[in-house]
Amino acid sequence: MHAAARALVLTRVGVDTDELNACERALSAAGVELQRFALIHILPPADATPARRCLQRLRDYALALPVSPNAVRGAFALLDARWPASCAVGVVGPGSAAAVRAALAAQGAGADAMPALLQAPAQQAESEGLWPLLQAWRPQGWRGARVLLLRGGAGREWLSQRLREAGATVDVVDVYRRVAPAADAATVQRLRRQLAADATWLFSAAEAVRNLLELLRAAGLDAGPALHGHAALATHARIAEAARAAGFGRVAVCAADAPAIEAALRQL
């Protein structure tokens, strides 16, 4: 991999924008130049009342499902009390699991007050991987149980559908919201400069790819020629499909951790 290709464009910006997380620190230490071009902005929910109401009744739920690290942070920001040990937490990826552990630690939760943390296996870090684990964890079945889905707007309904089919009541609330960058003159100019650089784009959401296409249209650029010479890394096969369809010339799938990202960069 030539030196210029060691530049990586980070497209996801969360509430901890000003601080490099552990993955980013590890990539920087490995010599990867990190560049930021936010394609999704994370903001508090437009109306936090439904989420606050459900979070006040966490003891009534057998399980909470934050869909992302931002969902974890958004939920704990709205929570007025400690997370009850009786409400397990189910997550898909390692980032969400780490965010849950950090939030519980910040609350001072001891071992006796720690809720069960159920994480999909690394080789299948998606809803389809989490569902068998949830079934095994609750051998009596999910009929009559209450589940709280914590999200940031519309998303996949696969897991909530499985839970409802199994007899659970699933409540869905927004604990944050995702906003596309404004297609103003300053953003368009930044996009043109970014496209002129030799860097690999990192996508952890197909929505970010769609937002990039909207910015390209606002800039009067044809996505095919604009993206064909660029490479992209995607943290899921579905996101990789969106990146290929957008016009990226080289696309690879990798896990959302520093060693996997660095290895994928070397192979592109």
Foldseek 3Di string as FASTA:
>chain_A
DDLLALEEEEADAEPPNVDDDPQRVVSVVVPRHYHYQHFKYKFFDPDCVVLLVVLVVQLQAQEEEEAALRLLVLSLVSHPAQRAQNYEYEYQAPRNVVSNVVSNVVNVDDPVGHHHYQYFDPVGRDLVRRVVVVCVVCVVWLAPGEYEYEYADDDDCVNVVVSVVRHYHYHYDYSIHIDGDDLDPVSLVVVVVVLVGAYEYEDADLSSLVSVLVSCVSNVHQQQVSAQDHEYEYQDPVSQVSSVVSHHNHYYHFHPGNVGVVVVSVVD
